[in-house]
Amino acid sequence: MTIGFGDNVRVRMTPVTEERGIAGIRGNVHGETIPSVTNVEVIGKVTDDYALHVQPDDEGADGFWIVPSLLEFVDHAPGTEMIAGNVRAIRQEDGSWKETRIPKKKPWWKFCRS
């Protein structure tokens, strides 16, 4: 299974993750990057020039960039909701996004007019 944006993951128990104190942490994938372009610090050996940003479930914990091979897939985070402009997208169990349009609201001053 390929892990991607929006998925819930768990950090694998390895010497690298244990040394960094993140082994076993659960979180959500918030981004993807090409480390050779962005120059971010990545946990693990970068072999495919690809890394994922994981935001831990613990409030206030800092996110980190990590190679996908150090992550275990948990689920697609069904029910996750994103809103961009007037489009609402809700994550489905299979990893797809169900999109719906959000109706535009009338400006407050138009309610004052007869």
N, C-alpha and C. Protein backbone atom coordinates (compact mmCIF):
# COMPACT_ATOMS: atom_id res chain seq x y z
N MET A 1 0.84 -1.18 0.00
CA MET A 1 0.00 0.00 0.00
C MET A 1 0.89 1.24 0.00
N THR A 2 0.56 2.19 -0.85
CA THR A 2 1.27 3.45 -0.90
C THR A 2 0.64 4.42 0.09
N ILE A 3 1.47 5.00 0.93
CA ILE A 3 0.99 5.97 1.91
C ILE A 3 1.03 7.34 1.27
N GLY A 4 -0.01 8.13 1.50
CA GLY A 4 -0.05 9.46 0.90
C GLY A 4 -0.76 10.47 1.77
N PHE A 5 -0.98 11.64 1.19
CA PHE A 5 -1.59 12.77 1.89
C PHE A 5 -2.91 12.36 2.54
N GLY A 6 -3.06 12.73 3.82
CA GLY A 6 -4.30 12.49 4.55
C GLY A 6 -4.38 11.16 5.27
N ASP A 7 -3.45 10.25 5.00
CA ASP A 7 -3.50 8.93 5.64
C ASP A 7 -3.03 9.00 7.09
N ASN A 8 -3.61 8.14 7.92
CA ASN A 8 -3.13 7.96 9.29
C ASN A 8 -2.04 6.90 9.25
N VAL A 9 -0.95 7.14 9.99
CA VAL A 9 0.20 6.25 9.98
C VAL A 9 0.74 6.03 11.39
N ARG A 10 1.60 5.02 11.53
CA ARG A 10 2.33 4.76 12.77
C ARG A 10 3.80 4.63 12.38
N VAL A 11 4.68 5.23 13.16
CA VAL A 11 6.12 5.15 12.90
C VAL A 11 6.62 3.78 13.33
N ARG A 12 7.33 3.10 12.43
CA ARG A 12 7.87 1.76 12.71
C ARG A 12 8.94 1.83 13.81
N MET A 13 9.09 0.71 14.51
CA MET A 13 10.15 0.57 15.53
C MET A 13 11.44 0.17 14.81
N THR A 14 12.36 1.08 14.71
CA THR A 14 13.67 0.80 14.11
C THR A 14 14.72 1.53 14.95
N PRO A 15 15.99 1.19 14.79
CA PRO A 15 17.02 1.93 15.54
C PRO A 15 16.97 3.44 15.27
N VAL A 16 16.71 3.82 14.03
CA VAL A 16 16.67 5.25 13.67
C VAL A 16 15.50 5.95 14.36
N THR A 17 14.31 5.34 14.32
CA THR A 17 13.15 6.00 14.93
C THR A 17 13.20 5.97 16.45
N GLU A 18 13.77 4.90 17.01
CA GLU A 18 13.92 4.84 18.47
C GLU A 18 14.92 5.89 18.95
N GLU A 19 16.01 6.06 18.19
CA GLU A 19 17.01 7.07 18.54
C GLU A 19 16.42 8.48 18.52
N ARG A 20 15.51 8.73 17.58
CA ARG A 20 14.88 10.04 17.46
C ARG A 20 13.68 10.22 18.40
N GLY A 21 13.29 9.15 19.08
CA GLY A 21 12.18 9.23 20.03
C GLY A 21 10.81 9.29 19.39
N ILE A 22 10.70 8.77 18.17
CA ILE A 22 9.40 8.82 17.48
C ILE A 22 8.82 7.44 17.18
N ALA A 23 9.52 6.38 17.57
CA ALA A 23 9.03 5.01 17.31
C ALA A 23 7.66 4.82 17.95
N GLY A 24 6.73 4.29 17.17
CA GLY A 24 5.39 4.01 17.68
C GLY A 24 4.43 5.18 17.63
N ILE A 25 4.91 6.35 17.31
CA ILE A 25 4.02 7.53 17.26
C ILE A 25 3.02 7.37 16.13
N ARG A 26 1.77 7.75 16.41
CA ARG A 26 0.73 7.78 15.38
C ARG A 26 0.53 9.22 14.94
N GLY A 27 0.19 9.37 13.66
CA GLY A 27 -0.04 10.71 13.15
C GLY A 27 -0.71 10.68 11.80
N ASN A 28 -0.80 11.86 11.19
CA ASN A 28 -1.47 12.02 9.91
C ASN A 28 -0.49 12.65 8.92
N VAL A 29 -0.52 12.15 7.68
CA VAL A 29 0.37 12.69 6.64
C VAL A 29 -0.19 14.03 6.16
N HIS A 30 0.58 15.09 6.38
CA HIS A 30 0.16 16.45 6.02
C HIS A 30 0.86 16.98 4.79
N GLY A 31 1.81 16.25 4.23
CA GLY A 31 2.50 16.76 3.05
C GLY A 31 3.49 15.78 2.48
N GLU A 32 3.93 16.10 1.25
CA GLU A 32 4.92 15.31 0.53
C GLU A 32 5.97 16.28 -0.01
N THR A 33 7.20 15.80 -0.17
CA THR A 33 8.24 16.68 -0.71
C THR A 33 9.31 15.88 -1.43
N ILE A 34 10.11 16.61 -2.18
CA ILE A 34 11.32 16.09 -2.83
C ILE A 34 12.48 16.73 -2.07
N PRO A 35 13.11 16.00 -1.16
CA PRO A 35 14.14 16.58 -0.30
C PRO A 35 15.29 17.28 -1.03
N SER A 36 15.67 16.78 -2.21
CA SER A 36 16.78 17.42 -2.93
C SER A 36 16.41 18.82 -3.41
N VAL A 37 15.14 19.11 -3.50
CA VAL A 37 14.67 20.43 -3.92
C VAL A 37 14.41 21.33 -2.72
N THR A 38 13.77 20.78 -1.69
CA THR A 38 13.36 21.60 -0.54
C THR A 38 14.40 21.67 0.57
N ASN A 39 15.37 20.76 0.55
CA ASN A 39 16.43 20.73 1.57
C ASN A 39 15.90 20.60 3.00
N VAL A 40 14.81 19.86 3.18
CA VAL A 40 14.30 19.63 4.53
C VAL A 40 15.09 18.50 5.18
N GLU A 41 15.12 18.50 6.51
CA GLU A 41 15.76 17.41 7.24
C GLU A 41 14.80 16.23 7.25
N VAL A 42 15.28 15.08 6.81
CA VAL A 42 14.43 13.89 6.70
C VAL A 42 14.97 12.80 7.62
N ILE A 43 14.05 12.15 8.33
CA ILE A 43 14.42 11.02 9.18
C ILE A 43 14.46 9.77 8.30
N GLY A 44 15.57 9.05 8.35
CA GLY A 44 15.74 7.84 7.54
C GLY A 44 16.60 8.11 6.32
N LYS A 45 16.98 7.03 5.64
CA LYS A 45 17.83 7.13 4.46
C LYS A 45 16.97 7.42 3.23
N VAL A 46 17.21 8.58 2.62
CA VAL A 46 16.44 8.99 1.44
C VAL A 46 17.02 8.28 0.22
N THR A 47 16.26 7.34 -0.32
CA THR A 47 16.72 6.60 -1.50
C THR A 47 15.95 6.98 -2.75
N ASP A 48 14.70 7.41 -2.60
CA ASP A 48 13.86 7.75 -3.76
C ASP A 48 13.61 9.25 -3.89
N ASP A 49 14.35 10.06 -3.14
CA ASP A 49 14.18 11.52 -3.16
C ASP A 49 12.72 11.90 -2.92
N TYR A 50 12.15 11.28 -1.89
CA TYR A 50 10.73 11.49 -1.56
C TYR A 50 10.58 11.33 -0.05
N ALA A 51 9.82 12.23 0.55
CA ALA A 51 9.58 12.16 1.99
C ALA A 51 8.17 12.64 2.29
N LEU A 52 7.65 12.21 3.43
CA LEU A 52 6.31 12.59 3.88
C LEU A 52 6.42 13.39 5.17
N HIS A 53 5.52 14.34 5.33
CA HIS A 53 5.46 15.10 6.58
C HIS A 53 4.38 14.49 7.44
N VAL A 54 4.74 14.08 8.65
CA VAL A 54 3.80 13.47 9.58
C VAL A 54 3.56 14.44 10.74
N GLN A 55 2.28 14.70 10.99
CA GLN A 55 1.89 15.51 12.14
C GLN A 55 1.36 14.56 13.20
N PRO A 56 2.08 14.42 14.33
CA PRO A 56 1.64 13.50 15.38
C PRO A 56 0.25 13.84 15.93
N ASP A 57 -0.44 12.82 16.41
CA ASP A 57 -1.77 13.00 17.00
C ASP A 57 -1.72 13.84 18.27
N ASP A 58 -0.60 13.79 19.00
CA ASP A 58 -0.47 14.55 20.25
C ASP A 58 -0.49 16.04 19.95
N GLU A 59 -1.44 16.75 20.59
CA GLU A 59 -1.52 18.20 20.39
C GLU A 59 -0.24 18.87 20.83
N GLY A 60 0.21 19.80 20.03
CA GLY A 60 1.41 20.56 20.36
C GLY A 60 2.71 19.90 19.93
N ALA A 61 2.66 18.64 19.50
CA ALA A 61 3.88 17.96 19.06
C ALA A 61 4.28 18.48 17.68
N ASP A 62 5.58 18.61 17.48
CA ASP A 62 6.08 19.07 16.19
C ASP A 62 6.00 17.96 15.15
N GLY A 63 5.67 18.34 13.93
CA GLY A 63 5.67 17.40 12.83
C GLY A 63 7.09 17.14 12.36
N PHE A 64 7.26 16.15 11.50
CA PHE A 64 8.59 15.81 11.00
C PHE A 64 8.48 15.20 9.62
N TRP A 65 9.58 15.31 8.86
CA TRP A 65 9.69 14.70 7.54
C TRP A 65 10.37 13.34 7.71
N ILE A 66 9.84 12.33 7.03
CA ILE A 66 10.32 10.97 7.21
C ILE A 66 10.19 10.20 5.90
N VAL A 67 11.05 9.21 5.70
CA VAL A 67 10.93 8.38 4.50
C VAL A 67 9.76 7.41 4.70
N PRO A 68 9.01 7.12 3.63
CA PRO A 68 7.83 6.25 3.75
C PRO A 68 8.11 4.86 4.29
N SER A 69 9.32 4.32 4.05
CA SER A 69 9.63 2.96 4.51
C SER A 69 9.65 2.85 6.04
N LEU A 70 9.69 3.96 6.75
CA LEU A 70 9.68 3.94 8.21
C LEU A 70 8.27 4.12 8.77
N LEU A 71 7.27 4.07 7.90
CA LEU A 71 5.88 4.25 8.33
C LEU A 71 5.04 3.02 8.05
N GLU A 72 4.05 2.79 8.91
CA GLU A 72 3.04 1.74 8.70
C GLU A 72 1.72 2.43 8.43
N PHE A 73 0.99 1.96 7.44
CA PHE A 73 -0.34 2.47 7.12
C PHE A 73 -1.32 2.04 8.21
N VAL A 74 -2.15 2.99 8.71
CA VAL A 74 -3.19 2.67 9.68
C VAL A 74 -4.54 2.68 8.98
N ASP A 75 -4.91 3.82 8.39
CA ASP A 75 -6.14 3.92 7.61
C ASP A 75 -6.12 5.22 6.80
N HIS A 76 -7.16 5.43 6.00
CA HIS A 76 -7.25 6.62 5.15
C HIS A 76 -7.89 7.81 5.86
N ALA A 77 -8.06 7.72 7.16
CA ALA A 77 -8.67 8.80 7.96
C ALA A 77 -10.05 9.19 7.42
N PRO A 78 -10.94 8.17 7.30
CA PRO A 78 -12.27 8.48 6.78
C PRO A 78 -12.97 9.51 7.66
N GLY A 79 -13.71 10.40 7.00
CA GLY A 79 -14.43 11.45 7.71
C GLY A 79 -13.66 12.75 7.78
N THR A 80 -12.37 12.72 7.42
CA THR A 80 -11.59 13.96 7.38
C THR A 80 -12.23 14.92 6.40
N GLU A 81 -12.34 16.16 6.81
CA GLU A 81 -13.00 17.17 5.96
C GLU A 81 -12.04 18.28 5.62
N MET A 82 -12.02 18.66 4.33
CA MET A 82 -11.24 19.81 3.88
C MET A 82 -12.17 20.74 3.12
N ILE A 83 -11.95 22.04 3.28
CA ILE A 83 -12.73 23.03 2.54
C ILE A 83 -11.75 23.94 1.82
N ALA A 84 -11.95 24.08 0.51
CA ALA A 84 -11.15 24.98 -0.31
C ALA A 84 -12.12 25.80 -1.16
N GLY A 85 -12.18 27.10 -0.86
CA GLY A 85 -13.14 27.94 -1.58
C GLY A 85 -14.55 27.49 -1.25
N ASN A 86 -15.32 27.14 -2.28
CA ASN A 86 -16.69 26.69 -2.05
C ASN A 86 -16.84 25.18 -2.29
N VAL A 87 -15.74 24.44 -2.11
CA VAL A 87 -15.78 22.99 -2.27
C VAL A 87 -15.41 22.33 -0.95
N ARG A 88 -16.27 21.41 -0.51
CA ARG A 88 -16.02 20.61 0.69
C ARG A 88 -15.67 19.19 0.21
N ALA A 89 -14.56 18.64 0.73
CA ALA A 89 -14.16 17.28 0.38
C ALA A 89 -14.10 16.46 1.67
N ILE A 90 -14.74 15.29 1.64
CA ILE A 90 -14.76 14.40 2.80
C ILE A 90 -14.11 13.08 2.40
N ARG A 91 -13.13 12.65 3.20
CA ARG A 91 -12.37 11.43 2.91
C ARG A 91 -13.23 10.20 3.14
N GLN A 92 -13.18 9.29 2.19
CA GLN A 92 -13.93 8.04 2.25
C GLN A 92 -13.01 6.92 2.76
N GLU A 93 -13.58 5.79 3.17
CA GLU A 93 -12.80 4.67 3.70
C GLU A 93 -11.80 4.12 2.70
N ASP A 94 -12.12 4.21 1.40
CA ASP A 94 -11.22 3.68 0.37
C ASP A 94 -10.11 4.65 -0.02
N GLY A 95 -10.07 5.83 0.62
CA GLY A 95 -9.03 6.81 0.34
C GLY A 95 -9.43 7.87 -0.66
N SER A 96 -10.58 7.72 -1.29
CA SER A 96 -11.04 8.74 -2.24
C SER A 96 -11.64 9.92 -1.47
N TRP A 97 -11.89 11.01 -2.17
CA TRP A 97 -12.49 12.20 -1.58
C TRP A 97 -13.84 12.45 -2.25
N LYS A 98 -14.88 12.61 -1.47
CA LYS A 98 -16.20 12.95 -2.00
C LYS A 98 -16.36 14.47 -1.92
N GLU A 99 -16.50 15.11 -3.07
CA GLU A 99 -16.57 16.56 -3.12
C GLU A 99 -18.01 17.03 -3.30
N THR A 100 -18.36 18.10 -2.60
CA THR A 100 -19.65 18.76 -2.76
C THR A 100 -19.42 20.26 -2.78
N ARG A 101 -20.32 20.96 -3.44
CA ARG A 101 -20.25 22.42 -3.50
C ARG A 101 -20.94 23.00 -2.28
N ILE A 102 -20.37 24.06 -1.75
CA ILE A 102 -20.97 24.78 -0.62
C ILE A 102 -21.71 25.98 -1.21
N PRO A 103 -23.00 26.09 -0.94
CA PRO A 103 -23.74 27.23 -1.49
C PRO A 103 -23.19 28.55 -0.95
N LYS A 104 -23.14 29.54 -1.83
CA LYS A 104 -22.67 30.86 -1.41
C LYS A 104 -23.72 31.51 -0.54
N LYS A 105 -23.28 32.17 0.52
CA LYS A 105 -24.18 32.90 1.40
C LYS A 105 -24.31 34.32 0.91
N LYS A 106 -25.47 34.91 1.10
CA LYS A 106 -25.67 36.30 0.74
C LYS A 106 -24.88 37.18 1.71
N PRO A 107 -24.29 38.26 1.21
CA PRO A 107 -23.62 39.19 2.13
C PRO A 107 -24.62 39.71 3.15
N TRP A 108 -24.13 40.02 4.36
CA TRP A 108 -24.99 40.45 5.45
C TRP A 108 -25.86 41.63 5.07
N TRP A 109 -25.35 42.56 4.27
CA TRP A 109 -26.09 43.77 3.95
C TRP A 109 -27.25 43.50 3.01
N LYS A 110 -27.25 42.39 2.28
CA LYS A 110 -28.37 42.08 1.39
C LYS A 110 -29.59 41.61 2.18
N PHE A 111 -29.36 41.13 3.41
CA PHE A 111 -30.49 40.74 4.26
C PHE A 111 -31.25 41.97 4.76
N CYS A 112 -30.59 43.12 4.80
CA CYS A 112 -31.19 44.34 5.28
C CYS A 112 -32.07 45.02 4.25
N ARG A 113 -31.93 44.64 3.01
CA ARG A 113 -32.67 45.27 1.91
C ARG A 113 -34.02 44.58 1.74
N SER A 114 -34.98 45.32 1.31
CA SER A 114 -36.31 44.74 1.07
C SER A 114 -36.40 44.17 -0.32
